[in-house]
Protein backbone atom coordinates (compact mmCIF):
# COMPACT_ATOMS: atom_id res chain seq x y z
CA MET A 1 105.97 119.80 90.76
CA ALA A 2 105.36 116.56 92.67
CA GLU A 3 108.41 115.08 94.37
CA GLU A 4 109.86 112.07 92.57
CA LYS A 5 108.97 108.80 94.24
CA ILE A 6 111.93 106.78 95.46
CA ILE A 7 110.11 103.75 96.85
CA SER A 8 106.81 102.18 95.85
CA ILE A 9 105.51 99.92 98.63
CA ILE A 10 103.12 97.32 97.19
CA THR A 11 100.89 94.99 99.17
CA ILE A 12 98.00 92.66 98.31
CA ASN A 13 94.72 92.66 100.23
CA TYR A 14 92.41 89.65 100.02
CA ASN A 15 89.67 89.60 102.65
CA GLY A 16 92.26 90.99 105.03
CA LEU A 17 91.04 94.47 105.93
CA LYS A 18 92.13 94.31 109.59
CA ASP A 19 95.67 93.15 108.75
CA THR A 20 96.02 95.63 105.90
CA CYS A 21 94.95 98.55 108.09
CA GLU A 22 97.37 97.50 110.83
CA LEU A 23 100.13 97.45 108.22
CA MET A 24 99.12 100.90 106.91
CA ASP A 25 99.46 102.27 110.45
CA THR A 26 103.18 101.34 110.43
CA LEU A 27 103.98 102.79 107.00
CA PRO A 28 105.42 106.30 106.46
CA LEU A 29 102.36 107.54 104.57
CA ASP A 30 103.35 111.19 104.92
CA ASP A 31 106.79 110.70 103.37
CA THR A 32 106.39 112.30 99.94
CA SER A 33 109.28 110.28 98.50
CA ILE A 34 107.33 107.07 99.11
CA GLU A 35 104.09 105.85 97.56
CA VAL A 36 101.98 103.04 98.97
CA ILE A 37 99.90 100.86 96.66
CA VAL A 38 97.27 98.40 97.89
CA VAL A 39 95.89 95.92 95.37
CA ASP A 40 92.56 94.50 96.52
CA ASN A 41 92.45 91.05 94.96
CA ALA A 42 88.67 90.62 94.60
CA SER A 43 87.84 90.57 98.31
CA ARG A 44 84.28 89.44 99.03
CA GLU A 45 83.37 92.88 100.41
CA ASP A 46 84.44 96.20 98.93
CA GLU A 47 87.47 96.54 101.18
CA ALA A 48 89.21 98.74 98.62
CA THR A 49 86.81 101.62 99.27
CA VAL A 50 87.23 101.29 103.03
CA ILE A 51 91.03 101.40 102.74
CA GLN A 52 90.89 104.40 100.40
CA GLN A 53 88.62 106.30 102.79
CA ARG A 54 90.76 105.56 105.84
CA TYR A 55 94.08 106.25 104.10
CA PRO A 56 93.60 108.86 101.37
CA GLN A 57 97.39 109.02 100.76
CA VAL A 58 97.34 105.40 99.55
CA LYS A 59 96.78 104.37 95.94
CA VAL A 60 94.18 101.59 96.03
CA ILE A 61 93.53 99.33 93.04
CA ARG A 62 90.49 97.05 93.00
CA SER A 63 90.67 93.90 90.88
CA ASN A 64 87.36 92.20 90.18
CA VAL A 65 89.18 88.90 89.69
CA ASN A 66 91.52 87.20 92.16
CA LEU A 67 94.79 87.29 90.22
CA GLY A 68 96.82 85.43 92.84
CA PHE A 69 99.96 86.65 94.56
CA ALA A 70 101.98 87.33 91.41
CA GLY A 71 99.11 88.72 89.35
CA GLY A 72 98.12 91.12 92.10
CA ASN A 73 101.68 92.32 92.58
CA ASN A 74 102.09 92.75 88.83
CA LEU A 75 99.08 95.09 88.90
CA GLY A 76 100.94 97.05 91.54
CA ILE A 77 104.09 97.12 89.42
CA GLU A 78 102.14 98.61 86.50
CA ALA A 79 100.79 101.37 88.75
CA ALA A 80 104.07 102.08 90.56
CA SER A 81 106.31 105.05 89.82
CA GLY A 82 109.14 104.45 92.30
CA LYS A 83 112.74 103.60 91.46
CA TYR A 84 112.62 100.81 94.04
CA LEU A 85 109.62 98.52 94.50
CA TYR A 86 109.09 96.99 97.94
CA PHE A 87 106.69 94.04 97.99
CA ILE A 88 105.38 93.22 101.46
CA ASN A 89 102.63 90.92 102.70
CA ASN A 90 99.62 92.65 104.19
CA ASP A 91 100.09 90.60 107.38
CA THR A 92 103.42 92.27 108.13
CA LEU A 93 104.36 95.28 110.25
CA LEU A 94 107.30 97.60 109.68
CA TYR A 95 107.67 98.05 113.41
CA LEU A 96 105.99 96.96 116.63
CA GLN A 97 103.98 99.30 118.82
CA ASP A 98 106.56 99.35 121.61
CA GLU A 99 109.43 100.17 119.23
CA PRO A 100 110.60 103.69 118.35
CA ILE A 101 110.50 104.56 114.66
CA LYS A 102 114.08 104.95 113.43
CA LYS A 103 114.80 107.61 110.84
CA SER A 104 117.91 107.92 108.70
CA LYS A 105 119.81 111.21 108.59
CA HIS A 106 118.03 111.89 105.28
CA GLY A 107 114.62 111.62 106.95
CA MET A 108 113.53 108.33 105.35
CA GLN A 109 112.52 105.51 107.69
CA ALA A 110 115.80 103.76 108.50
CA ASP A 111 114.63 100.24 107.67
CA LEU A 112 113.63 101.31 104.17
CA LYS A 113 116.84 103.31 103.66
CA ALA A 114 118.93 100.25 104.60
CA LEU A 115 117.36 98.23 101.78
CA VAL A 116 117.86 101.04 99.27
CA ASP A 117 121.49 101.41 100.38
CA ARG A 118 122.11 97.70 99.88
CA LEU A 119 120.75 97.84 96.33
CA ASP A 120 122.84 100.94 95.63
CA TYR A 121 125.97 99.30 97.07
CA ASP A 122 126.46 97.17 93.96
CA PRO A 123 124.57 97.46 90.64
CA GLN A 124 124.62 93.65 90.39
CA ILE A 125 122.40 93.34 93.47
CA GLY A 126 118.93 93.12 91.98
CA MET A 127 116.81 92.12 94.95
CA VAL A 128 117.16 92.45 98.72
CA CYS A 129 115.16 91.15 101.68
CA PRO A 130 115.14 92.37 105.27
CA LYS A 131 115.44 90.22 108.33
CA ILE A 132 111.97 88.80 108.94
CA ARG A 133 110.83 88.10 112.50
CA PHE A 134 107.53 86.71 113.67
CA ALA A 135 105.17 89.28 115.15
CA TRP A 136 104.12 87.04 118.03
CA GLY A 137 105.77 85.91 121.28
CA GLN A 138 109.40 86.92 121.64
CA HIS A 139 109.54 87.65 117.90
CA PRO A 140 111.81 84.79 116.81
CA ILE A 141 113.49 84.95 113.44
CA GLN A 142 111.59 83.65 110.44
CA TYR A 143 114.15 84.47 107.73
CA ALA A 144 117.79 85.48 107.62
CA GLY A 145 118.36 84.16 104.11
CA PHE A 146 117.73 80.74 102.56
CA THR A 147 119.91 77.71 101.94
CA PRO A 148 119.89 76.36 98.35
CA LEU A 149 117.19 73.91 97.28
CA SER A 150 118.39 70.33 97.01
CA ARG A 151 118.38 69.15 93.42
CA VAL A 152 116.04 66.18 93.84
CA THR A 153 113.88 66.73 96.93
CA LEU A 154 113.68 70.53 96.59
CA ARG A 155 114.16 70.83 100.33
CA ASN A 156 115.87 73.79 101.94
CA HIS A 157 115.46 75.88 105.06
CA ALA A 158 115.31 79.47 106.18
CA ILE A 159 118.46 80.45 108.04
CA GLY A 160 117.76 81.27 111.69
CA PHE A 161 114.19 79.95 111.59
CA ASN A 162 112.50 80.10 115.00
CA GLU A 163 115.69 81.25 116.76
CA LEU A 164 115.59 84.18 119.14
CA ASP A 165 117.41 87.16 117.69
CA TYR A 166 120.64 87.82 119.55
CA GLY A 167 122.31 89.50 116.59
CA GLN A 168 123.78 86.23 115.32
CA TYR A 169 122.55 86.97 111.80
CA ASP A 170 123.43 90.65 111.59
CA THR A 171 125.83 90.35 108.66
CA ALA A 172 124.49 91.02 105.15
CA HIS A 173 125.10 88.25 102.64
CA PRO A 174 123.92 86.88 99.28
CA THR A 175 121.10 84.35 99.42
CA PRO A 176 119.72 82.04 96.72
CA TYR A 177 116.12 83.17 97.13
CA ALA A 178 114.03 86.06 98.37
CA HIS A 179 111.24 85.65 100.89
CA GLY A 180 107.85 86.62 99.49
CA ALA A 181 106.78 88.36 102.70
CA ALA A 182 109.20 91.24 102.07
CA MET A 183 111.44 91.90 99.07
CA MET A 184 112.71 95.06 97.41
CA VAL A 185 113.64 95.14 93.72
CA ARG A 186 115.11 97.85 91.53
CA ARG A 187 112.75 98.81 88.69
CA GLU A 188 115.37 98.27 85.99
CA VAL A 189 115.82 94.70 87.22
CA ILE A 190 112.13 93.95 86.62
CA GLU A 191 112.40 95.49 83.16
CA LYS A 192 115.26 93.11 82.34
CA ALA A 193 114.19 89.92 84.16
CA GLY A 194 110.43 90.22 83.76
CA MET A 195 107.53 90.53 86.17
CA MET A 196 106.44 87.87 88.65
CA PRO A 197 105.44 84.54 87.06
CA THR A 198 101.66 84.23 87.26
CA CYS A 199 101.46 80.49 86.54
CA PHE A 200 101.89 79.63 90.24
CA PHE A 201 98.94 81.73 91.53
CA LEU A 202 99.97 81.14 95.16
CA TYR A 203 103.28 79.91 96.70
CA TYR A 204 106.73 79.49 95.12
CA GLU A 205 106.46 82.62 92.95
CA GLU A 206 109.25 84.38 94.85
CA LEU A 207 111.61 81.41 94.44
CA ASP A 208 110.98 81.27 90.71
CA TRP A 209 111.30 85.06 90.42
CA SER A 210 114.58 84.96 92.34
CA MET A 211 115.91 82.48 89.78
CA MET A 212 114.65 84.63 86.90
CA ILE A 213 116.44 87.64 88.37
CA GLN A 214 119.66 85.69 88.85
CA ARG A 215 119.53 84.36 85.29
CA ALA A 216 119.29 88.00 84.19
CA GLY A 217 122.69 88.59 85.80
CA TYR A 218 121.78 89.90 89.27
CA THR A 219 122.22 88.64 92.82
CA VAL A 220 119.78 88.41 95.73
CA TRP A 221 120.81 89.65 99.18
CA TYR A 222 119.72 89.51 102.80
CA GLU A 223 120.03 92.84 104.66
CA PRO A 224 119.76 92.60 108.48
CA ALA A 225 119.92 96.38 109.00
CA SER A 226 116.22 96.28 108.09
CA THR A 227 113.63 94.20 109.98
CA ILE A 228 109.98 93.46 109.29
CA TYR A 229 107.53 91.53 111.48
CA HIS A 230 105.31 88.82 110.01
CA LYS A 231 102.08 87.44 111.46
CA GLU A 232 102.32 84.48 109.03
CA SER A 233 99.56 82.72 107.11
CA GLN A 234 96.62 84.77 108.26
CA THR A 235 94.99 84.31 104.84
CA THR A 236 95.21 80.60 103.97
CA GLY A 237 96.03 78.77 107.22
CA GLN A 238 98.90 76.37 107.82
CA GLU A 239 96.93 73.17 107.09
CA SER A 240 94.29 74.22 104.59
CA PRO A 241 93.35 72.31 101.41
CA LEU A 242 94.11 75.49 99.43
CA ARG A 243 97.67 75.65 100.73
CA THR A 244 98.18 71.89 100.32
CA TYR A 245 96.99 71.95 96.71
CA TYR A 246 99.22 74.82 95.60
CA ILE A 247 102.29 73.64 97.54
CA THR A 248 101.95 70.20 95.90
CA ARG A 249 101.35 71.44 92.36
CA ASN A 250 103.75 74.37 92.44
CA ARG A 251 106.73 72.46 93.79
CA LEU A 252 106.53 70.34 90.65
CA LEU A 253 105.97 73.41 88.49
CA LEU A 254 109.11 75.00 89.96
CA VAL A 255 111.06 71.91 88.94
CA LYS A 256 109.61 72.00 85.43
CA ARG A 257 110.59 75.65 84.94
CA ASN A 258 114.03 75.59 86.53
CA SER A 259 115.63 72.15 86.93
CA PRO A 260 117.95 70.83 84.22
CA LEU A 261 117.96 67.25 83.02
CA PRO A 262 118.35 64.61 84.46
CA TRP A 263 117.58 66.20 87.84
CA ARG A 264 114.14 67.28 86.63
CA TYR A 265 112.88 63.72 86.17
CA LEU A 266 114.49 62.49 89.37
CA SER A 267 112.61 65.26 91.17
CA TYR A 268 109.36 64.31 89.47
CA LEU A 269 109.75 60.71 90.64
CA TYR A 270 110.56 61.75 94.21
CA LEU A 271 107.88 64.43 94.56
CA ILE A 272 105.09 62.35 93.03
CA PHE A 273 105.79 58.82 94.23
CA VAL A 274 107.70 59.37 97.49
CA ALA A 275 106.73 62.76 98.96
CA GLY A 276 103.23 62.75 97.46
CA THR A 277 102.39 59.22 98.58
CA LYS A 278 103.80 59.86 102.07
CA ALA A 279 101.71 63.05 102.44
CA ILE A 280 98.51 61.30 101.34
CA LEU A 281 99.02 58.36 103.70
CA LYS A 282 99.81 60.69 106.59
CA ASP A 283 96.65 62.76 106.00
CA LEU A 284 94.51 59.64 105.67
CA SER A 285 95.86 58.31 108.96
CA LYS A 286 94.83 61.60 110.61
CA ARG A 287 91.44 61.44 108.86
CA ARG A 288 92.25 64.66 107.02
CA PHE A 289 90.57 63.49 103.84
CA ASP A 290 90.34 67.08 102.59
CA LEU A 291 94.14 67.43 102.65
CA ALA A 292 94.68 64.03 101.02
CA LYS A 293 92.27 65.01 98.26
CA ALA A 294 94.05 68.37 97.82
CA THR A 295 97.40 66.59 97.39
CA LEU A 296 95.92 64.25 94.79
CA ARG A 297 94.43 67.19 92.91
CA GLY A 298 97.74 69.01 92.97
CA LEU A 299 99.60 66.02 91.57
CA TRP A 300 96.94 65.32 88.92
CA HIS A 301 96.68 68.92 87.75
CA PHE A 302 100.43 69.14 87.33
CA ILE A 303 100.51 65.88 85.34
CA LYS A 304 97.75 67.28 83.09
CA LEU A 305 99.99 70.27 82.34
């Protein structure tokens, strides 16, 4: 009889064969208690077949339509059999080449076991994220938890962002939101809170999902005993019209779905007339007409909702 799967690792591939293969090379593919699921989100080439041929232990799902971040992960959820579901970006690495692979006394890769242990520590912990460090340079910290979003401007920051890691964030703690690059969730939590919201398509899904999970009675935690390395924005680019459009539209959509009155309308006014206008003027001054147009589209499409 096949061994019961403890962890289902789920990642999305979209025209990212090189990154996905580099990630696969850091995963414990021979651990029979773990399954790895790659959802190919309608890549231009048939990258799903290439991944399946290179890594026969991996379950590869090919979608003929780009379902976005949430939709692709939801496909993975439907195919997963693990008790714990670990969602990681395809541009991440579980360890760097010059690092030894740490194993727990039970044989599971130590970084994965630390996340499972945190979820098992308290049944009210529904989601946990590892420490996230950038994969480049001296590997500064990207995420050691988040601060809360401000009620009107929706601004917050990642704790430890761009700091060198001297162990200053090595204490586990609750955090308001998960980071979409790496988050582990217990299956029963998804059954109670619901799957990822697909209305965002790209960006802000993990913040909304974190709020859904907390409304279902669970907490979100940061667990520094586990670390993952992130190449960051290999797919969309830091200043692309695609990113600008979805960041603009989805910030407003997050407000619509989660902010109570009267804060909701105060946020609308700020995000549309202050932040939106400022972004458009800044892009026009830099002759980035494509970004200014993307911001306008994002604002208009939200208003049409």
